[in-house]
Protein backbone atom coordinates (compact mmCIF):
# COMPACT_ATOMS: atom_id res chain seq x y z
CA PHE A 1 -39.40 27.37 36.17
CA GLN A 2 -40.69 27.05 39.79
CA SER A 3 -43.92 25.53 38.40
CA CYS A 4 -41.97 22.56 36.94
CA ASN A 5 -43.71 19.31 37.98
CA GLY A 6 -40.49 17.37 38.58
CA THR A 7 -38.98 15.65 41.58
CA PRO A 8 -38.41 17.70 44.73
CA ASP A 9 -34.69 17.95 43.87
CA GLN A 10 -35.52 19.14 40.34
CA GLN A 11 -37.98 21.71 41.67
CA GLU A 12 -35.38 22.96 44.13
CA ALA A 13 -32.73 23.13 41.42
CA ALA A 14 -35.09 24.94 39.07
CA LYS A 15 -35.04 27.95 41.40
CA ALA A 16 -31.49 28.66 40.20
CA TRP A 17 -32.33 28.42 36.51
CA ASP A 18 -31.92 31.61 34.61
CA GLY A 19 -30.48 32.59 31.28
CA ARG A 20 -27.18 33.86 32.67
CA THR A 21 -26.52 30.69 34.70
CA LEU A 22 -27.21 28.45 31.74
CA SER A 23 -25.11 30.66 29.49
CA ASP A 24 -22.09 30.31 31.79
CA ARG A 25 -22.68 26.60 32.37
CA PHE A 26 -22.97 25.44 28.77
CA GLY A 27 -20.78 27.98 26.99
CA LEU A 28 -23.70 29.40 25.05
CA HIS A 29 -24.34 32.97 24.14
CA TYR A 30 -26.87 34.56 26.52
CA LYS A 31 -29.26 35.39 23.68
CA ASP A 32 -29.00 31.82 22.38
CA VAL A 33 -30.01 30.46 25.82
CA ARG A 34 -33.04 32.71 25.97
CA ARG A 35 -34.02 31.74 22.45
CA ARG A 36 -33.93 28.05 23.34
CA LEU A 37 -35.87 28.47 26.60
CA GLU A 38 -38.52 30.68 25.06
CA GLY A 39 -39.09 28.05 22.39
CA LEU A 40 -40.15 25.42 24.98
CA PRO A 41 -43.94 24.88 25.31
CA GLY A 42 -44.04 25.15 29.10
CA ALA A 43 -42.32 24.73 32.44
CA ASN A 44 -43.01 20.97 32.53
CA GLU A 45 -41.08 20.58 29.28
CA CYS A 46 -38.10 22.29 30.92
CA CYS A 47 -37.75 19.42 33.39
CA LYS A 48 -36.79 17.08 30.53
CA TYR A 49 -33.60 19.08 30.04
CA GLN A 50 -31.23 18.24 32.88
CA PHE A 51 -29.52 21.60 32.97
CA VAL A 52 -28.41 21.10 36.57
CA ASP A 53 -26.11 18.28 37.73
CA MET A 54 -28.11 16.55 40.48
CA LYS A 55 -24.94 14.95 41.91
CA PRO A 56 -22.25 17.63 42.05
CA LEU A 57 -18.67 16.66 42.87
CA ALA A 58 -18.76 18.62 46.11
CA ALA A 59 -21.31 16.15 47.50
CA LYS A 60 -18.82 13.29 47.10
CA GLU A 61 -16.31 15.19 49.23
CA GLY A 62 -18.81 15.62 52.07
CA LYS A 63 -19.20 19.33 51.57
CA LYS A 64 -22.48 21.16 51.88
CA VAL A 65 -23.79 22.01 48.49
CA ASP A 66 -25.77 25.08 47.76
CA LYS A 67 -28.39 23.64 45.40
CA GLY A 68 -29.22 27.10 44.20
CA LYS A 69 -25.67 27.48 42.85
CA PRO A 70 -24.49 24.32 41.04
CA ALA A 71 -20.77 23.65 41.21
CA ALA A 72 -19.00 24.69 38.08
CA LYS A 73 -16.86 22.25 36.12
CA ALA A 74 -13.84 22.88 33.96
CA SER A 75 -15.74 21.43 31.01
CA ASP A 76 -18.57 23.94 31.57
CA LYS A 77 -16.42 26.95 30.70
CA PRO A 78 -17.44 28.79 27.54
CA ALA A 79 -15.46 27.70 24.50
CA LYS A 80 -12.84 30.21 23.41
CA ARG A 81 -13.70 31.76 20.10
CA VAL A 82 -10.94 32.24 17.55
CA SER A 83 -11.21 35.06 15.05
CA LYS A 84 -10.57 34.51 11.36
CA LYS A 85 -7.44 36.64 11.61
CA GLU A 86 -6.02 34.49 14.43
CA ALA A 87 -6.89 31.29 12.56
CA ALA A 88 -5.20 32.55 9.40
CA ALA A 89 -2.09 33.54 11.38
CA ALA A 90 -1.93 30.11 13.02
CA ALA A 91 -2.29 28.37 9.64
CA ALA A 92 0.46 30.55 8.14
CA ALA A 93 2.79 29.78 11.05
CA LYS A 94 2.14 26.05 10.66
CA GLU A 95 2.83 26.26 6.93
CA ALA A 96 6.06 28.22 7.46
CA ALA A 97 7.38 25.77 10.06
CA PRO A 98 10.15 23.54 8.69
CA LYS A 99 8.79 20.15 7.68
CA GLU A 100 10.61 16.98 8.40
CA VAL A 101 11.71 15.43 5.13
CA LYS A 102 12.38 11.73 5.17
CA GLU A 103 15.05 10.60 2.80
CA PRO A 104 13.89 7.75 0.59
CA GLU A 105 15.43 4.44 1.41
CA PRO A 106 17.92 3.28 -1.21
CA GLU A 107 16.43 0.75 -3.55
CA LYS A 108 17.89 -2.68 -3.35
CA PRO A 109 19.39 -3.81 -6.62
CA GLU A 110 17.43 -6.55 -8.27
CA GLU A 111 19.09 -9.89 -8.18
CA GLN A 112 19.94 -10.92 -11.71
CA ALA A 113 20.32 -14.47 -12.81
CA PRO A 114 23.92 -15.35 -13.68
CA ALA A 115 24.67 -15.01 -17.37
CA THR A 116 24.94 -18.25 -19.32
CA VAL A 117 28.57 -19.05 -20.05
CA TYR A 118 29.13 -20.73 -23.38
CA ARG A 119 32.24 -22.69 -24.17
CA THR A 120 34.33 -21.12 -26.91
CA GLU A 121 36.07 -24.37 -27.81
CA GLY A 122 34.44 -27.57 -28.94
CA PRO A 123 32.59 -29.13 -31.88
CA HIS A 124 31.45 -26.75 -34.66
CA ILE A 125 32.99 -23.67 -32.97
CA GLY A 126 34.16 -21.15 -35.60
CA GLU A 127 32.14 -22.66 -38.46
CA ARG A 128 30.04 -20.45 -40.74
CA ALA A 129 26.26 -20.94 -40.74
CA ARG A 130 23.27 -19.63 -42.69
CA ARG A 131 19.60 -19.32 -41.79
CA TYR A 132 16.58 -18.45 -43.90
CA ILE A 133 13.85 -16.19 -42.55
CA TYR A 134 10.18 -16.89 -43.20
CA ASN A 135 7.13 -14.67 -42.72
CA GLY A 136 3.78 -15.58 -41.17
CA SER A 137 2.66 -17.16 -44.44
CA ASP A 138 5.69 -19.49 -44.39
CA GLN A 139 7.27 -17.63 -47.31
CA MET A 140 11.06 -17.19 -47.47
CA VAL A 141 11.78 -13.45 -47.22
CA ASP A 142 15.42 -13.08 -46.14
CA VAL A 143 18.69 -14.84 -45.42
CA VAL A 144 21.35 -14.14 -42.77
CA ASP A 145 24.84 -15.51 -42.27
CA GLY A 146 26.82 -15.85 -39.08
CA VAL A 147 29.46 -17.75 -37.18
CA ILE A 148 29.08 -20.38 -34.45
CA ASP A 149 30.85 -18.88 -31.43
CA GLY A 150 29.42 -20.74 -28.43
CA TRP A 151 28.64 -24.23 -27.22
CA LEU A 152 26.56 -25.15 -24.16
CA PRO A 153 26.69 -28.85 -23.34
CA VAL A 154 24.09 -30.43 -21.07
CA GLU A 155 26.50 -30.72 -18.13
CA ASP A 156 27.00 -26.92 -18.15
CA GLN A 157 23.28 -26.07 -18.03
CA GLY A 158 22.81 -26.71 -14.30
CA ASP A 159 19.17 -26.70 -13.15
CA ASP A 160 18.01 -24.78 -16.24
CA LEU A 161 18.16 -27.68 -18.67
CA TYR A 162 17.14 -27.22 -22.27
CA ILE A 163 14.67 -29.95 -23.34
CA SER A 164 14.64 -30.77 -27.03
CA GLU A 165 11.26 -30.48 -28.73
CA GLU A 166 12.14 -33.43 -30.94
CA THR A 167 13.62 -35.92 -28.47
CA LYS A 168 11.93 -34.59 -25.29
CA ALA A 169 15.29 -35.02 -23.57
CA PRO A 170 18.03 -32.59 -22.40
CA ALA A 171 20.12 -31.40 -25.36
CA ALA A 172 23.22 -29.30 -25.99
CA LEU A 173 22.96 -25.90 -27.68
CA TRP A 174 25.14 -23.96 -30.11
CA ARG A 175 25.03 -20.19 -30.47
CA ILE A 176 25.14 -18.53 -33.89
CA ARG A 177 26.26 -14.89 -33.86
CA TYR A 178 24.92 -13.25 -37.01
CA ASP A 179 27.03 -10.86 -39.07
CA ASP A 180 24.19 -8.33 -39.17
CA THR A 181 23.84 -7.21 -35.54
CA ALA A 182 20.18 -6.37 -36.18
CA PHE A 183 19.49 -10.11 -35.99
CA GLY A 184 21.55 -10.68 -32.83
CA SER A 185 22.18 -14.35 -32.08
CA GLU A 186 20.30 -17.62 -31.97
CA ASP A 187 20.63 -20.90 -30.06
CA LEU A 188 20.20 -24.11 -32.07
CA GLU A 189 20.28 -27.81 -31.42
CA GLU A 190 22.93 -29.87 -33.21
CA PRO A 191 20.69 -31.08 -36.10
CA GLU A 192 19.77 -27.43 -36.83
CA VAL A 193 23.42 -26.40 -36.61
CA LYS A 194 24.49 -29.02 -39.13
CA GLU A 195 21.72 -27.90 -41.48
CA ALA A 196 22.82 -24.24 -41.13
CA MET A 197 26.42 -25.18 -41.89
CA ALA A 198 25.34 -27.08 -45.02
CA LEU A 199 23.29 -24.13 -46.31
CA VAL A 200 26.42 -21.96 -46.49
CA LEU A 201 27.87 -24.31 -49.10
CA GLY A 202 24.75 -24.32 -51.27
CA PRO A 203 23.44 -21.68 -53.70
CA LEU A 204 21.08 -18.91 -52.62
CA PRO A 205 17.51 -18.78 -53.92
CA GLU A 206 17.41 -16.34 -56.85
CA LYS A 207 14.89 -14.01 -55.20
CA LEU A 208 17.24 -13.43 -52.24
CA VAL A 209 20.53 -12.95 -54.10
CA ALA A 210 20.23 -9.17 -54.58
CA LYS A 211 19.10 -8.63 -51.00
CA HIS A 212 21.96 -10.72 -49.67
CA GLU A 213 24.55 -8.83 -51.76
CA ARG A 214 23.26 -5.44 -50.53
CA ARG A 215 23.57 -6.63 -46.95
CA LEU A 216 27.16 -7.81 -47.57
CA GLU A 217 28.07 -4.40 -49.05
CA ARG A 218 26.51 -2.56 -46.13
CA LEU A 219 28.35 -4.73 -43.59
CA ALA A 220 31.64 -4.30 -45.42
CA ALA A 221 31.26 -0.49 -45.42
CA LYS A 222 30.44 -0.53 -41.70
CA LYS A 223 33.51 -2.64 -40.97
CA ALA A 224 35.71 -0.24 -42.96
CA ARG A 225 34.44 2.77 -40.96
CA LEU A 226 35.20 1.02 -37.68
CA GLU A 227 38.74 0.22 -38.80
CA GLU A 228 39.30 3.87 -39.80
CA LYS A 229 38.19 5.06 -36.36
CA LYS A 230 40.56 2.61 -34.69
CA ALA A 231 43.41 3.83 -36.88
CA GLU A 232 42.72 7.48 -35.92
CA ARG A 233 43.05 6.66 -32.24
């Protein structure tokens, strides 16, 4: 290393270069240092590697620095090696440590729109009504009967006004509750309600008579079972 063609300071510092010093300084295994140095093509190439700090901290404090023995730094200490056994023990201890469990925040209930309130008194309330059911080919396939049990005038609709498809103006609605609960209920405008009320008074199409009678029998049997259960209570 003394033959290094560097600056005077580098040449002076090179006098202290040896495998042990570099091993302690950079935290490398002694054999690894020698392997790296022996792989360099010559002393001049060594000067490119600034192994020695040319401005040690001691110089800033006004102390005399022995250039042959560079001041050691805390960061220059060899890294502590951890065995596989110690690493496994540390991982097991971390896994066994109680983990903080955060309780989920309670979900806020969804705001539901207020239910529509129908009037139970008014025109057509309590009247029987009938509706025919058509398939996609506009063929009549069924008939259902029900009772008009609700009325929703325009003044009760608030901001959610129903606009008639025929008149393009706000219109009142009547609710038909069907006898067969499988069909639920339906809201109709007044012209449709009057038509449904008129159908009850007319004859059924012949192809729907048997189907309608079977439905009436089934509904009557269901009503009888419910009355028996009420009587048992």
